[in-house]
């Protein structure tokens, strides 16, 4: 599968998996009253700012990779280019996707996979997750969830190696979900995209003007 458009094969998931009841919080396995270490980052886009808490303690490899892209200005000038829409429930659902799109001057090497069974994180509303073709191939593309979609978490019972490992959650939007929703609602081009992703590409991608740590 073309990693440039970063697999995230959500449309192949049965609706029952997406609809399963998520945990009440965004993380699992933490003692009450405790908080894991995070680092705040802001994505300044042409549609507004998105503030993210990166899970540097729970998902150190994945969050550290994203932070390196931020610190080295590799996201500056990239775009949100995809809006995958799921027609389930009474709220807009699916994801938006952004990143380096395999630009050889921007991407770093692939990173080791951190499944949600290891990190205790889950694909809840506002979760950031790495795009990949298969576990261990993630580089510089990521998605943001519009609603709780725990079907993208690791499922050890699955016979499919992708869904057995799931996608790697590494952070959560703490401010700017209205911007994420506006990007998701933007017009798509019915002719853009490859394979089952055709019709999911934004007609006018939304630029990430700057990504930086939030002091």
N, C-alpha and C. Protein backbone atom coordinates (compact mmCIF):
# COMPACT_ATOMS: atom_id res chain seq x y z
N UNK A 1 0.85 -1.19 0.00
CA UNK A 1 0.00 0.00 0.00
C UNK A 1 0.88 1.24 0.00
N UNK A 2 0.47 2.28 -0.69
CA UNK A 2 1.25 3.49 -0.83
C UNK A 2 1.30 4.23 0.50
N UNK A 3 2.48 4.24 1.17
CA UNK A 3 2.61 4.89 2.46
C UNK A 3 2.46 6.38 2.32
N UNK A 4 2.67 6.94 1.12
CA UNK A 4 2.50 8.37 0.94
C UNK A 4 1.11 8.80 1.39
N UNK A 5 0.12 7.98 1.11
CA UNK A 5 -1.23 8.32 1.54
C UNK A 5 -1.62 7.55 2.79
N UNK A 6 -0.65 6.85 3.42
CA UNK A 6 -0.74 6.35 4.77
C UNK A 6 -1.99 5.54 5.06
N UNK A 7 -1.86 4.26 5.03
CA UNK A 7 -2.95 3.31 4.98
C UNK A 7 -4.18 3.63 5.81
N UNK A 8 -4.12 3.61 7.11
CA UNK A 8 -5.28 3.84 7.96
C UNK A 8 -6.56 3.29 7.33
N UNK A 9 -6.60 1.99 7.10
CA UNK A 9 -7.68 1.37 6.32
C UNK A 9 -8.97 1.26 7.12
N UNK A 10 -9.46 2.40 7.57
CA UNK A 10 -10.63 2.40 8.44
C UNK A 10 -11.87 1.89 7.74
N UNK A 11 -11.99 2.13 6.45
CA UNK A 11 -13.21 1.72 5.76
C UNK A 11 -13.33 0.21 5.67
N UNK A 12 -12.23 -0.50 5.90
CA UNK A 12 -12.28 -1.95 5.87
C UNK A 12 -12.79 -2.53 7.18
N UNK A 13 -12.93 -1.70 8.21
CA UNK A 13 -13.39 -2.18 9.51
C UNK A 13 -14.89 -2.42 9.53
N UNK A 14 -15.34 -3.53 10.09
CA UNK A 14 -16.77 -3.71 10.30
C UNK A 14 -17.29 -2.62 11.22
N UNK A 15 -18.52 -2.15 10.97
CA UNK A 15 -19.10 -1.09 11.80
C UNK A 15 -19.17 -1.50 13.26
N UNK A 16 -19.32 -2.80 13.53
CA UNK A 16 -19.42 -3.25 14.92
C UNK A 16 -18.16 -2.95 15.70
N UNK A 17 -17.00 -2.98 15.03
CA UNK A 17 -15.75 -2.69 15.72
C UNK A 17 -15.66 -1.21 16.07
N UNK A 18 -16.04 -0.36 15.13
CA UNK A 18 -16.00 1.08 15.40
C UNK A 18 -16.99 1.44 16.49
N UNK A 19 -18.09 0.71 16.57
CA UNK A 19 -19.17 1.10 17.48
C UNK A 19 -18.99 0.56 18.89
N UNK A 20 -17.96 -0.30 19.14
CA UNK A 20 -17.82 -0.87 20.47
C UNK A 20 -17.62 0.23 21.51
N UNK A 21 -18.07 -0.03 22.72
CA UNK A 21 -18.05 0.99 23.77
C UNK A 21 -16.62 1.28 24.22
N UNK A 22 -16.15 2.54 24.13
CA UNK A 22 -14.81 2.87 24.58
C UNK A 22 -14.78 3.07 26.09
N UNK A 23 -13.56 3.13 26.64
CA UNK A 23 -13.40 3.48 28.04
C UNK A 23 -13.86 4.91 28.25
N UNK A 24 -14.31 5.27 29.45
CA UNK A 24 -14.81 6.62 29.68
C UNK A 24 -13.75 7.68 29.44
N UNK A 25 -12.49 7.41 29.75
CA UNK A 25 -11.43 8.38 29.57
C UNK A 25 -10.63 8.12 28.31
N UNK A 26 -9.61 8.93 28.09
CA UNK A 26 -8.78 8.76 26.91
C UNK A 26 -7.64 7.78 27.15
N UNK A 27 -7.38 7.43 28.40
CA UNK A 27 -6.30 6.51 28.71
C UNK A 27 -6.83 5.38 29.59
N UNK A 28 -6.15 4.25 29.53
CA UNK A 28 -6.50 3.12 30.38
C UNK A 28 -5.29 2.77 31.24
N UNK A 29 -5.54 2.16 32.38
CA UNK A 29 -4.46 1.60 33.16
C UNK A 29 -3.76 2.58 34.09
N UNK A 30 -4.28 3.79 34.29
CA UNK A 30 -3.67 4.76 35.19
C UNK A 30 -4.39 4.74 36.52
N UNK A 31 -3.63 4.91 37.59
CA UNK A 31 -4.24 5.00 38.90
C UNK A 31 -5.05 6.29 39.02
N UNK A 32 -6.18 6.27 39.74
CA UNK A 32 -6.96 7.50 39.92
C UNK A 32 -6.11 8.62 40.51
N UNK A 33 -6.27 9.81 39.94
CA UNK A 33 -5.55 10.97 40.45
C UNK A 33 -4.15 11.13 39.93
N UNK A 34 -3.68 10.21 39.08
CA UNK A 34 -2.33 10.33 38.53
C UNK A 34 -2.41 10.90 37.12
N UNK A 35 -1.31 11.47 36.68
CA UNK A 35 -1.25 12.04 35.34
C UNK A 35 0.11 11.72 34.74
N UNK A 36 0.11 11.25 33.50
CA UNK A 36 1.36 10.95 32.82
C UNK A 36 1.96 12.23 32.25
N UNK A 37 3.26 12.21 32.04
CA UNK A 37 3.96 13.37 31.49
C UNK A 37 3.56 13.59 30.04
N UNK A 38 3.29 14.84 29.70
CA UNK A 38 2.97 15.20 28.32
C UNK A 38 3.74 16.46 27.94
N UNK A 39 3.84 16.70 26.63
CA UNK A 39 4.44 17.92 26.09
C UNK A 39 3.42 18.56 25.16
N UNK A 40 3.17 19.85 25.34
CA UNK A 40 2.17 20.54 24.54
C UNK A 40 2.79 21.12 23.26
N UNK A 41 2.06 20.93 22.17
CA UNK A 41 2.46 21.43 20.85
C UNK A 41 1.27 22.13 20.23
N UNK A 42 1.52 23.19 19.47
CA UNK A 42 0.45 23.85 18.73
C UNK A 42 0.72 23.74 17.24
N UNK A 43 -0.30 23.35 16.50
CA UNK A 43 -0.27 23.36 15.04
C UNK A 43 -1.01 24.61 14.59
N UNK A 44 -0.28 25.58 14.06
CA UNK A 44 -0.90 26.81 13.57
C UNK A 44 -1.27 26.59 12.10
N UNK A 45 -2.57 26.48 11.82
CA UNK A 45 -3.02 26.19 10.47
C UNK A 45 -3.73 27.42 9.89
N UNK A 46 -3.99 27.37 8.61
CA UNK A 46 -4.69 28.47 7.95
C UNK A 46 -6.16 28.53 8.34
N UNK A 47 -6.64 27.53 9.09
CA UNK A 47 -8.02 27.56 9.59
C UNK A 47 -8.09 27.78 11.09
N UNK A 48 -6.93 27.92 11.74
CA UNK A 48 -6.90 28.13 13.19
C UNK A 48 -5.91 27.21 13.86
N UNK A 49 -5.75 27.39 15.17
CA UNK A 49 -4.76 26.64 15.93
C UNK A 49 -5.34 25.36 16.53
N UNK A 50 -4.51 24.31 16.56
CA UNK A 50 -4.85 23.04 17.19
C UNK A 50 -3.77 22.76 18.23
N UNK A 51 -4.17 22.66 19.51
CA UNK A 51 -3.22 22.40 20.59
C UNK A 51 -3.29 20.92 20.96
N UNK A 52 -2.12 20.32 21.10
CA UNK A 52 -2.00 18.87 21.30
C UNK A 52 -1.16 18.60 22.54
N UNK A 53 -1.58 17.62 23.34
CA UNK A 53 -0.76 17.10 24.43
C UNK A 53 -0.15 15.78 23.95
N UNK A 54 1.17 15.77 23.77
CA UNK A 54 1.86 14.57 23.31
C UNK A 54 2.17 13.66 24.50
N UNK A 55 1.84 12.38 24.37
CA UNK A 55 2.01 11.41 25.45
C UNK A 55 3.45 10.90 25.49
N UNK A 56 4.35 11.75 25.96
CA UNK A 56 5.77 11.41 25.95
C UNK A 56 6.14 10.33 26.96
N UNK A 57 5.30 10.12 27.97
CA UNK A 57 5.57 9.06 28.94
C UNK A 57 4.95 7.74 28.51
N UNK A 58 3.70 7.76 28.09
CA UNK A 58 3.02 6.51 27.73
C UNK A 58 3.44 5.99 26.35
N UNK A 59 3.70 6.90 25.42
CA UNK A 59 4.09 6.50 24.06
C UNK A 59 5.36 7.24 23.67
N UNK A 60 6.48 6.95 24.34
CA UNK A 60 7.70 7.75 24.16
C UNK A 60 8.29 7.70 22.76
N UNK A 61 8.22 6.56 22.09
CA UNK A 61 8.80 6.45 20.75
C UNK A 61 7.99 7.27 19.76
N UNK A 62 6.68 7.09 19.78
CA UNK A 62 5.82 7.75 18.80
C UNK A 62 5.72 9.24 19.07
N UNK A 63 5.51 9.63 20.33
CA UNK A 63 5.45 11.05 20.68
C UNK A 63 6.80 11.72 20.42
N UNK A 64 7.89 11.02 20.73
CA UNK A 64 9.22 11.57 20.49
C UNK A 64 9.49 11.79 19.02
N UNK A 65 9.00 10.88 18.19
CA UNK A 65 9.15 11.03 16.74
C UNK A 65 8.41 12.27 16.26
N UNK A 66 7.16 12.45 16.71
CA UNK A 66 6.37 13.61 16.32
C UNK A 66 7.06 14.90 16.78
N UNK A 67 7.59 14.87 18.00
CA UNK A 67 8.25 16.06 18.55
C UNK A 67 9.50 16.40 17.75
N UNK A 68 10.19 15.41 17.25
CA UNK A 68 11.36 15.69 16.42
C UNK A 68 10.95 16.39 15.13
N UNK A 69 9.86 15.94 14.51
CA UNK A 69 9.36 16.62 13.32
C UNK A 69 9.01 18.08 13.63
N UNK A 70 8.44 18.31 14.81
CA UNK A 70 8.10 19.67 15.23
C UNK A 70 9.36 20.49 15.42
N UNK A 71 10.30 19.97 16.21
CA UNK A 71 11.51 20.72 16.55
C UNK A 71 12.40 21.01 15.35
N UNK A 72 12.34 20.16 14.34
CA UNK A 72 13.16 20.35 13.14
C UNK A 72 12.38 21.03 12.01
N UNK A 73 11.20 21.57 12.33
CA UNK A 73 10.38 22.34 11.38
C UNK A 73 9.95 21.51 10.17
N UNK A 74 9.86 20.21 10.33
CA UNK A 74 9.51 19.34 9.20
C UNK A 74 8.03 19.38 8.86
N UNK A 75 7.18 19.82 9.80
CA UNK A 75 5.75 19.94 9.52
C UNK A 75 5.39 21.31 8.95
N UNK A 76 6.27 22.29 9.10
CA UNK A 76 5.96 23.65 8.64
C UNK A 76 5.78 23.65 7.12
N UNK A 77 4.62 24.07 6.66
CA UNK A 77 4.34 24.09 5.23
C UNK A 77 3.70 22.82 4.70
N UNK A 78 3.55 21.79 5.56
CA UNK A 78 2.80 20.60 5.14
C UNK A 78 1.30 20.89 5.28
N UNK A 79 0.47 19.92 4.97
CA UNK A 79 -0.96 20.18 4.93
C UNK A 79 -1.79 19.05 5.53
N UNK A 80 -2.98 19.41 5.98
CA UNK A 80 -4.05 18.43 6.16
C UNK A 80 -4.63 18.17 4.78
N UNK A 81 -4.58 16.94 4.33
CA UNK A 81 -4.95 16.63 2.95
C UNK A 81 -6.09 15.63 2.82
N UNK A 82 -6.51 15.04 3.93
CA UNK A 82 -7.53 13.99 3.84
C UNK A 82 -8.61 14.18 4.89
N UNK A 83 -9.86 13.93 4.50
CA UNK A 83 -10.99 13.91 5.43
C UNK A 83 -11.79 12.64 5.16
N UNK A 84 -11.58 11.63 6.01
CA UNK A 84 -12.35 10.39 5.88
C UNK A 84 -13.62 10.53 6.70
N UNK A 85 -14.76 10.28 6.09
CA UNK A 85 -16.04 10.51 6.74
C UNK A 85 -16.80 9.20 6.93
N UNK A 86 -17.29 9.00 8.14
CA UNK A 86 -18.09 7.84 8.47
C UNK A 86 -19.51 8.30 8.78
N UNK A 87 -20.46 7.68 8.12
CA UNK A 87 -21.87 8.08 8.27
C UNK A 87 -22.52 7.26 9.36
N UNK A 88 -22.01 7.40 10.59
CA UNK A 88 -22.54 6.67 11.73
C UNK A 88 -22.82 7.64 12.86
N UNK A 89 -23.95 7.51 13.49
CA UNK A 89 -24.30 8.36 14.61
C UNK A 89 -24.80 9.72 14.15
N UNK A 90 -25.06 10.58 15.13
CA UNK A 90 -25.62 11.90 14.81
C UNK A 90 -24.57 13.00 14.83
N UNK A 91 -23.29 12.63 14.98
CA UNK A 91 -22.21 13.60 14.96
C UNK A 91 -21.23 13.26 13.83
N UNK A 92 -20.57 14.28 13.24
CA UNK A 92 -19.56 13.98 12.22
C UNK A 92 -18.51 13.02 12.78
N UNK A 93 -18.19 12.00 12.01
CA UNK A 93 -17.26 10.98 12.48
C UNK A 93 -16.25 10.67 11.37
N UNK A 94 -15.16 10.05 11.77
CA UNK A 94 -14.08 9.73 10.84
C UNK A 94 -12.78 10.31 11.33
N UNK A 95 -11.98 10.83 10.41
CA UNK A 95 -10.69 11.39 10.79
C UNK A 95 -10.22 12.40 9.76
N UNK A 96 -9.27 13.22 10.17
CA UNK A 96 -8.53 14.06 9.24
C UNK A 96 -7.08 13.60 9.28
N UNK A 97 -6.37 13.79 8.18
CA UNK A 97 -5.00 13.29 8.08
C UNK A 97 -4.09 14.37 7.52
N UNK A 98 -2.87 14.41 8.04
CA UNK A 98 -1.91 15.44 7.65
C UNK A 98 -0.51 14.86 7.71
N UNK A 99 0.46 15.66 7.25
CA UNK A 99 1.85 15.25 7.41
C UNK A 99 2.69 15.43 6.17
N UNK A 100 3.79 14.70 6.17
CA UNK A 100 4.86 14.91 5.18
C UNK A 100 4.60 14.25 3.84
N UNK A 101 3.66 13.33 3.75
CA UNK A 101 3.30 12.65 2.50
C UNK A 101 4.52 12.10 1.76
N UNK A 102 5.42 11.53 2.54
CA UNK A 102 6.61 10.85 2.00
C UNK A 102 7.56 11.79 1.26
N UNK A 103 7.51 13.07 1.55
CA UNK A 103 8.44 14.03 0.95
C UNK A 103 9.86 13.67 1.39
N UNK A 104 10.75 13.32 0.45
CA UNK A 104 12.10 12.85 0.83
C UNK A 104 12.92 13.89 1.57
N UNK A 105 12.56 15.16 1.45
CA UNK A 105 13.29 16.20 2.16
C UNK A 105 12.74 16.44 3.57
N UNK A 106 11.64 15.77 3.90
CA UNK A 106 11.02 15.98 5.21
C UNK A 106 11.00 14.73 6.09
N UNK A 107 10.83 13.56 5.49
CA UNK A 107 10.60 12.38 6.31
C UNK A 107 11.88 11.90 7.00
N UNK A 108 11.67 11.32 8.17
CA UNK A 108 12.72 10.62 8.89
C UNK A 108 12.46 9.13 8.74
N UNK A 109 13.35 8.31 9.27
CA UNK A 109 13.19 6.87 9.15
C UNK A 109 11.98 6.37 9.90
N UNK A 110 11.45 5.20 9.51
CA UNK A 110 10.29 4.63 10.20
C UNK A 110 10.62 4.28 11.65
N UNK A 111 9.58 4.25 12.47
CA UNK A 111 9.77 4.02 13.91
C UNK A 111 9.13 2.71 14.35
N UNK A 112 9.59 2.22 15.48
CA UNK A 112 9.00 1.01 16.07
C UNK A 112 7.55 1.30 16.47
N UNK A 113 6.71 0.28 16.35
CA UNK A 113 5.28 0.43 16.63
C UNK A 113 5.01 0.31 18.12
N UNK A 114 4.18 1.23 18.66
CA UNK A 114 3.74 1.17 20.04
C UNK A 114 2.22 0.93 20.06
N UNK A 115 1.79 -0.32 20.17
CA UNK A 115 0.35 -0.61 20.12
C UNK A 115 -0.37 -0.08 21.36
N UNK A 116 -1.67 0.12 21.21
CA UNK A 116 -2.46 0.63 22.33
C UNK A 116 -2.51 -0.36 23.50
N UNK A 117 -2.32 -1.65 23.23
CA UNK A 117 -2.26 -2.62 24.31
C UNK A 117 -1.04 -2.40 25.17
N UNK A 118 -0.02 -1.77 24.63
CA UNK A 118 1.22 -1.48 25.37
C UNK A 118 1.14 -0.12 26.07
N UNK A 119 0.58 0.88 25.39
CA UNK A 119 0.56 2.23 25.93
C UNK A 119 -0.63 2.51 26.85
N UNK A 120 -1.71 1.74 26.69
CA UNK A 120 -2.91 2.00 27.46
C UNK A 120 -3.74 3.14 26.93
N UNK A 121 -3.39 3.67 25.75
CA UNK A 121 -4.14 4.76 25.13
C UNK A 121 -5.20 4.18 24.20
N UNK A 122 -6.13 5.02 23.77
CA UNK A 122 -7.20 4.53 22.90
C UNK A 122 -7.61 5.61 21.91
N UNK A 123 -8.21 5.20 20.81
CA UNK A 123 -8.64 6.12 19.76
C UNK A 123 -9.96 6.79 20.15
N UNK A 124 -9.87 7.71 21.09
CA UNK A 124 -11.04 8.48 21.50
C UNK A 124 -11.09 9.78 20.72
N UNK A 125 -12.14 10.55 20.91
CA UNK A 125 -12.29 11.83 20.23
C UNK A 125 -11.04 12.70 20.48
N UNK A 126 -10.46 13.21 19.40
CA UNK A 126 -9.30 14.06 19.51
C UNK A 126 -7.98 13.33 19.56
N UNK A 127 -7.98 12.00 19.49
CA UNK A 127 -6.73 11.24 19.56
C UNK A 127 -5.92 11.42 18.28
N UNK A 128 -4.61 11.57 18.45
CA UNK A 128 -3.69 11.57 17.31
C UNK A 128 -3.11 10.18 17.17
N UNK A 129 -3.02 9.71 15.94
CA UNK A 129 -2.58 8.35 15.67
C UNK A 129 -1.68 8.37 14.44
N UNK A 130 -0.63 7.55 14.46
CA UNK A 130 0.29 7.53 13.33
C UNK A 130 -0.30 6.75 12.15
N UNK A 131 -0.13 7.30 10.96
CA UNK A 131 -0.50 6.60 9.73
C UNK A 131 0.62 5.64 9.35
N UNK A 132 0.26 4.53 8.74
CA UNK A 132 1.27 3.53 8.38
C UNK A 132 0.69 2.55 7.38
N UNK A 133 1.59 1.84 6.70
CA UNK A 133 1.15 0.76 5.83
C UNK A 133 1.04 -0.54 6.60
N UNK A 134 1.98 -0.75 7.54
CA UNK A 134 1.99 -1.92 8.40
C UNK A 134 2.80 -1.54 9.64
N UNK A 135 2.69 -2.29 10.73
CA UNK A 135 3.41 -1.92 11.94
C UNK A 135 4.92 -1.78 11.69
N UNK A 136 5.47 -0.67 12.18
CA UNK A 136 6.90 -0.41 12.01
C UNK A 136 7.25 0.40 10.79
N UNK A 137 6.24 0.95 10.08
CA UNK A 137 6.51 1.74 8.87
C UNK A 137 6.12 3.22 9.03
N UNK A 138 5.61 3.62 10.20
CA UNK A 138 5.16 5.01 10.38
C UNK A 138 6.33 5.98 10.27
N UNK A 139 6.09 7.11 9.61
CA UNK A 139 7.13 8.13 9.49
C UNK A 139 6.57 9.48 9.93
N UNK A 140 6.01 10.27 8.99
CA UNK A 140 5.62 11.63 9.31
C UNK A 140 4.20 12.00 8.93
N UNK A 141 3.29 11.03 8.90
CA UNK A 141 1.88 11.31 8.64
C UNK A 141 1.05 10.86 9.84
N UNK A 142 0.00 11.60 10.15
CA UNK A 142 -0.79 11.31 11.33
C UNK A 142 -2.25 11.66 11.08
N UNK A 143 -3.12 11.11 11.92
CA UNK A 143 -4.56 11.41 11.82
C UNK A 143 -5.06 11.92 13.15
N UNK A 144 -6.21 12.59 13.12
CA UNK A 144 -6.91 13.02 14.33
C UNK A 144 -8.34 12.50 14.24
N UNK A 145 -8.79 11.84 15.30
CA UNK A 145 -10.12 11.24 15.33
C UNK A 145 -11.19 12.28 15.64
N UNK A 146 -12.33 12.19 14.93
CA UNK A 146 -13.45 13.09 15.19
C UNK A 146 -14.29 12.61 16.37
N UNK A 147 -14.40 11.29 16.56
CA UNK A 147 -15.19 10.72 17.65
C UNK A 147 -14.43 9.52 18.21
N UNK A 148 -15.00 8.88 19.25
CA UNK A 148 -14.40 7.67 19.80
C UNK A 148 -14.47 6.56 18.76
N UNK A 149 -13.31 6.02 18.38
CA UNK A 149 -13.25 4.94 17.39
C UNK A 149 -12.30 3.85 17.89
N UNK A 150 -12.68 3.13 18.95
CA UNK A 150 -11.80 2.12 19.54
C UNK A 150 -11.51 0.95 18.62
N UNK A 151 -12.24 0.82 17.51
CA UNK A 151 -11.94 -0.24 16.56
C UNK A 151 -10.58 -0.09 15.91
N UNK A 152 -9.95 1.09 16.05
CA UNK A 152 -8.60 1.29 15.51
C UNK A 152 -7.52 0.91 16.51
N UNK A 153 -7.93 0.57 17.75
CA UNK A 153 -6.97 0.10 18.75
C UNK A 153 -6.47 -1.30 18.38
N UNK A 154 -5.40 -1.72 19.03
CA UNK A 154 -4.88 -3.07 18.82
C UNK A 154 -5.91 -4.11 19.28
N UNK A 155 -6.02 -5.18 18.49
CA UNK A 155 -6.94 -6.27 18.81
C UNK A 155 -6.16 -7.59 18.73
N UNK A 156 -5.61 -8.05 19.84
CA UNK A 156 -4.79 -9.27 19.82
C UNK A 156 -5.51 -10.49 19.26
N UNK A 157 -6.84 -10.48 19.27
CA UNK A 157 -7.60 -11.63 18.78
C UNK A 157 -7.73 -11.63 17.25
N UNK A 158 -7.37 -10.52 16.60
CA UNK A 158 -7.52 -10.44 15.15
C UNK A 158 -6.46 -11.28 14.44
N UNK A 159 -6.83 -11.87 13.31
CA UNK A 159 -5.88 -12.65 12.51
C UNK A 159 -5.13 -11.76 11.52
N UNK A 160 -5.57 -10.52 11.36
CA UNK A 160 -4.91 -9.58 10.46
C UNK A 160 -3.82 -8.86 11.23
N UNK A 161 -2.55 -8.89 10.74
CA UNK A 161 -1.46 -8.29 11.49
C UNK A 161 -1.61 -6.79 11.72
N UNK A 162 -2.28 -6.09 10.79
CA UNK A 162 -2.48 -4.65 10.99
C UNK A 162 -3.43 -4.42 12.15
N UNK A 163 -4.61 -5.08 12.11
CA UNK A 163 -5.59 -4.85 13.16
C UNK A 163 -5.21 -5.53 14.46
N UNK A 164 -4.37 -6.55 14.39
CA UNK A 164 -3.86 -7.17 15.61
C UNK A 164 -3.02 -6.17 16.39
N UNK A 165 -2.26 -5.35 15.67
CA UNK A 165 -1.41 -4.34 16.29
C UNK A 165 -2.10 -2.98 16.40
N UNK A 166 -3.11 -2.74 15.57
CA UNK A 166 -3.81 -1.48 15.59
C UNK A 166 -2.91 -0.31 15.18
N UNK A 167 -3.40 0.89 15.43
CA UNK A 167 -2.63 2.10 15.13
C UNK A 167 -2.14 2.73 16.43
N UNK A 168 -1.06 3.47 16.35
CA UNK A 168 -0.37 3.96 17.54
C UNK A 168 -0.86 5.35 17.94
N UNK A 169 -1.64 5.40 19.01
CA UNK A 169 -2.07 6.68 19.59
C UNK A 169 -0.88 7.29 20.34
N UNK A 170 -0.68 8.60 20.18
CA UNK A 170 0.46 9.24 20.86
C UNK A 170 0.15 10.62 21.40
N UNK A 171 -1.09 11.06 21.31
CA UNK A 171 -1.44 12.38 21.83
C UNK A 171 -2.91 12.67 21.66
N UNK A 172 -3.35 13.80 22.24
CA UNK A 172 -4.76 14.18 22.20
C UNK A 172 -4.89 15.68 22.02
N UNK A 173 -5.87 16.09 21.23
CA UNK A 173 -6.17 17.51 21.08
C UNK A 173 -6.77 18.03 22.39
N UNK A 174 -6.19 19.10 22.91
CA UNK A 174 -6.71 19.70 24.13
C UNK A 174 -7.43 21.02 23.86
N UNK A 175 -7.20 21.60 22.70
CA UNK A 175 -7.89 22.82 22.30
C UNK A 175 -7.86 22.90 20.78
N UNK A 176 -8.97 23.31 20.19
CA UNK A 176 -9.01 23.45 18.74
C UNK A 176 -9.74 22.34 18.01
N UNK A 177 -10.58 21.56 18.73
CA UNK A 177 -11.36 20.54 18.03
C UNK A 177 -12.32 21.17 17.03
N UNK A 178 -12.71 22.43 17.28
CA UNK A 178 -13.55 23.11 16.30
C UNK A 178 -12.82 23.31 14.98
N UNK A 179 -11.51 23.50 15.05
CA UNK A 179 -10.69 23.62 13.83
C UNK A 179 -10.62 22.26 13.13
N UNK A 180 -10.39 21.20 13.90
CA UNK A 180 -10.37 19.84 13.34
C UNK A 180 -11.69 19.55 12.64
N UNK A 181 -12.80 19.90 13.27
CA UNK A 181 -14.11 19.65 12.68
C UNK A 181 -14.32 20.47 11.41
N UNK A 182 -13.80 21.69 11.39
CA UNK A 182 -13.93 22.53 10.18
C UNK A 182 -13.12 21.95 9.03
N UNK A 183 -11.93 21.43 9.33
CA UNK A 183 -11.12 20.78 8.30
C UNK A 183 -11.85 19.55 7.77
N UNK A 184 -12.42 18.77 8.68
CA UNK A 184 -13.13 17.55 8.30
C UNK A 184 -14.33 17.85 7.41
N UNK A 185 -14.96 19.01 7.63
CA UNK A 185 -16.16 19.38 6.87
C UNK A 185 -15.85 20.08 5.56
N UNK A 186 -14.57 20.39 5.31
CA UNK A 186 -14.20 21.10 4.09
C UNK A 186 -14.47 20.24 2.86
N UNK A 187 -14.70 20.85 1.69
CA UNK A 187 -15.01 20.08 0.48
C UNK A 187 -13.88 19.13 0.08
N UNK A 188 -14.26 17.98 -0.42
CA UNK A 188 -13.30 17.02 -0.96
C UNK A 188 -13.43 16.98 -2.48
N UNK A 189 -12.37 16.51 -3.12
CA UNK A 189 -12.36 16.36 -4.57
C UNK A 189 -12.74 14.92 -4.90
N UNK A 190 -13.84 14.67 -5.60
CA UNK A 190 -14.28 13.29 -5.87
C UNK A 190 -13.31 12.50 -6.74
N UNK A 191 -12.39 13.19 -7.41
CA UNK A 191 -11.48 12.50 -8.32
C UNK A 191 -10.08 12.30 -7.76
N UNK A 192 -9.79 12.92 -6.60
CA UNK A 192 -8.46 12.78 -6.00
C UNK A 192 -8.41 11.57 -5.08
N UNK A 193 -7.22 10.97 -4.98
CA UNK A 193 -7.04 9.84 -4.10
C UNK A 193 -6.81 8.56 -4.86
N UNK A 194 -6.26 7.57 -4.16
CA UNK A 194 -5.92 6.28 -4.76
C UNK A 194 -6.76 5.18 -4.13
N UNK A 195 -7.32 4.30 -4.97
CA UNK A 195 -8.08 3.15 -4.48
C UNK A 195 -9.25 3.57 -3.62
N UNK A 196 -9.39 2.91 -2.44
CA UNK A 196 -10.54 3.20 -1.58
C UNK A 196 -10.45 4.57 -0.93
N UNK A 197 -9.31 5.25 -1.10
CA UNK A 197 -9.18 6.60 -0.56
C UNK A 197 -9.64 7.66 -1.56
N UNK A 198 -10.04 7.23 -2.74
CA UNK A 198 -10.54 8.18 -3.73
C UNK A 198 -11.79 8.88 -3.19
N UNK A 199 -11.80 10.20 -3.33
CA UNK A 199 -12.92 10.98 -2.84
C UNK A 199 -12.76 11.43 -1.40
N UNK A 200 -11.62 11.08 -0.75
CA UNK A 200 -11.38 11.50 0.63
C UNK A 200 -10.35 12.63 0.72
N UNK A 201 -9.79 13.06 -0.42
CA UNK A 201 -8.78 14.10 -0.42
C UNK A 201 -9.43 15.48 -0.46
N UNK A 202 -8.96 16.38 0.38
CA UNK A 202 -9.51 17.73 0.42
C UNK A 202 -9.26 18.44 -0.91
N UNK A 203 -10.28 19.13 -1.39
CA UNK A 203 -10.13 19.89 -2.64
C UNK A 203 -9.09 20.98 -2.47
N UNK A 204 -9.06 21.61 -1.30
CA UNK A 204 -8.06 22.64 -0.98
C UNK A 204 -7.42 22.26 0.35
N UNK A 205 -6.28 21.59 0.32
CA UNK A 205 -5.62 21.18 1.57
C UNK A 205 -5.40 22.38 2.50
N UNK A 206 -5.42 22.09 3.80
CA UNK A 206 -5.26 23.14 4.82
C UNK A 206 -3.82 23.12 5.32
N UNK A 207 -3.13 24.23 5.17
CA UNK A 207 -1.70 24.28 5.49
C UNK A 207 -1.43 24.36 6.98
N UNK A 208 -0.42 23.61 7.42
CA UNK A 208 0.16 23.79 8.73
C UNK A 208 1.26 24.84 8.57
N UNK A 209 0.97 26.06 8.94
CA UNK A 209 1.92 27.14 8.75
C UNK A 209 3.14 26.94 9.62
N UNK A 210 2.90 26.55 10.89
CA UNK A 210 4.00 26.30 11.81
C UNK A 210 3.54 25.33 12.88
N UNK A 211 4.43 24.42 13.25
CA UNK A 211 4.22 23.52 14.38
C UNK A 211 5.32 23.80 15.39
N UNK A 212 4.94 24.02 16.64
CA UNK A 212 5.96 24.38 17.64
C UNK A 212 5.50 23.96 19.03
N UNK A 213 6.48 23.83 19.93
CA UNK A 213 6.17 23.57 21.32
C UNK A 213 5.43 24.77 21.90
N UNK A 214 4.49 24.47 22.79
CA UNK A 214 3.74 25.54 23.43
C UNK A 214 4.32 25.77 24.81
N UNK A 215 4.94 26.91 25.00
CA UNK A 215 5.58 27.22 26.28
C UNK A 215 4.54 27.54 27.33
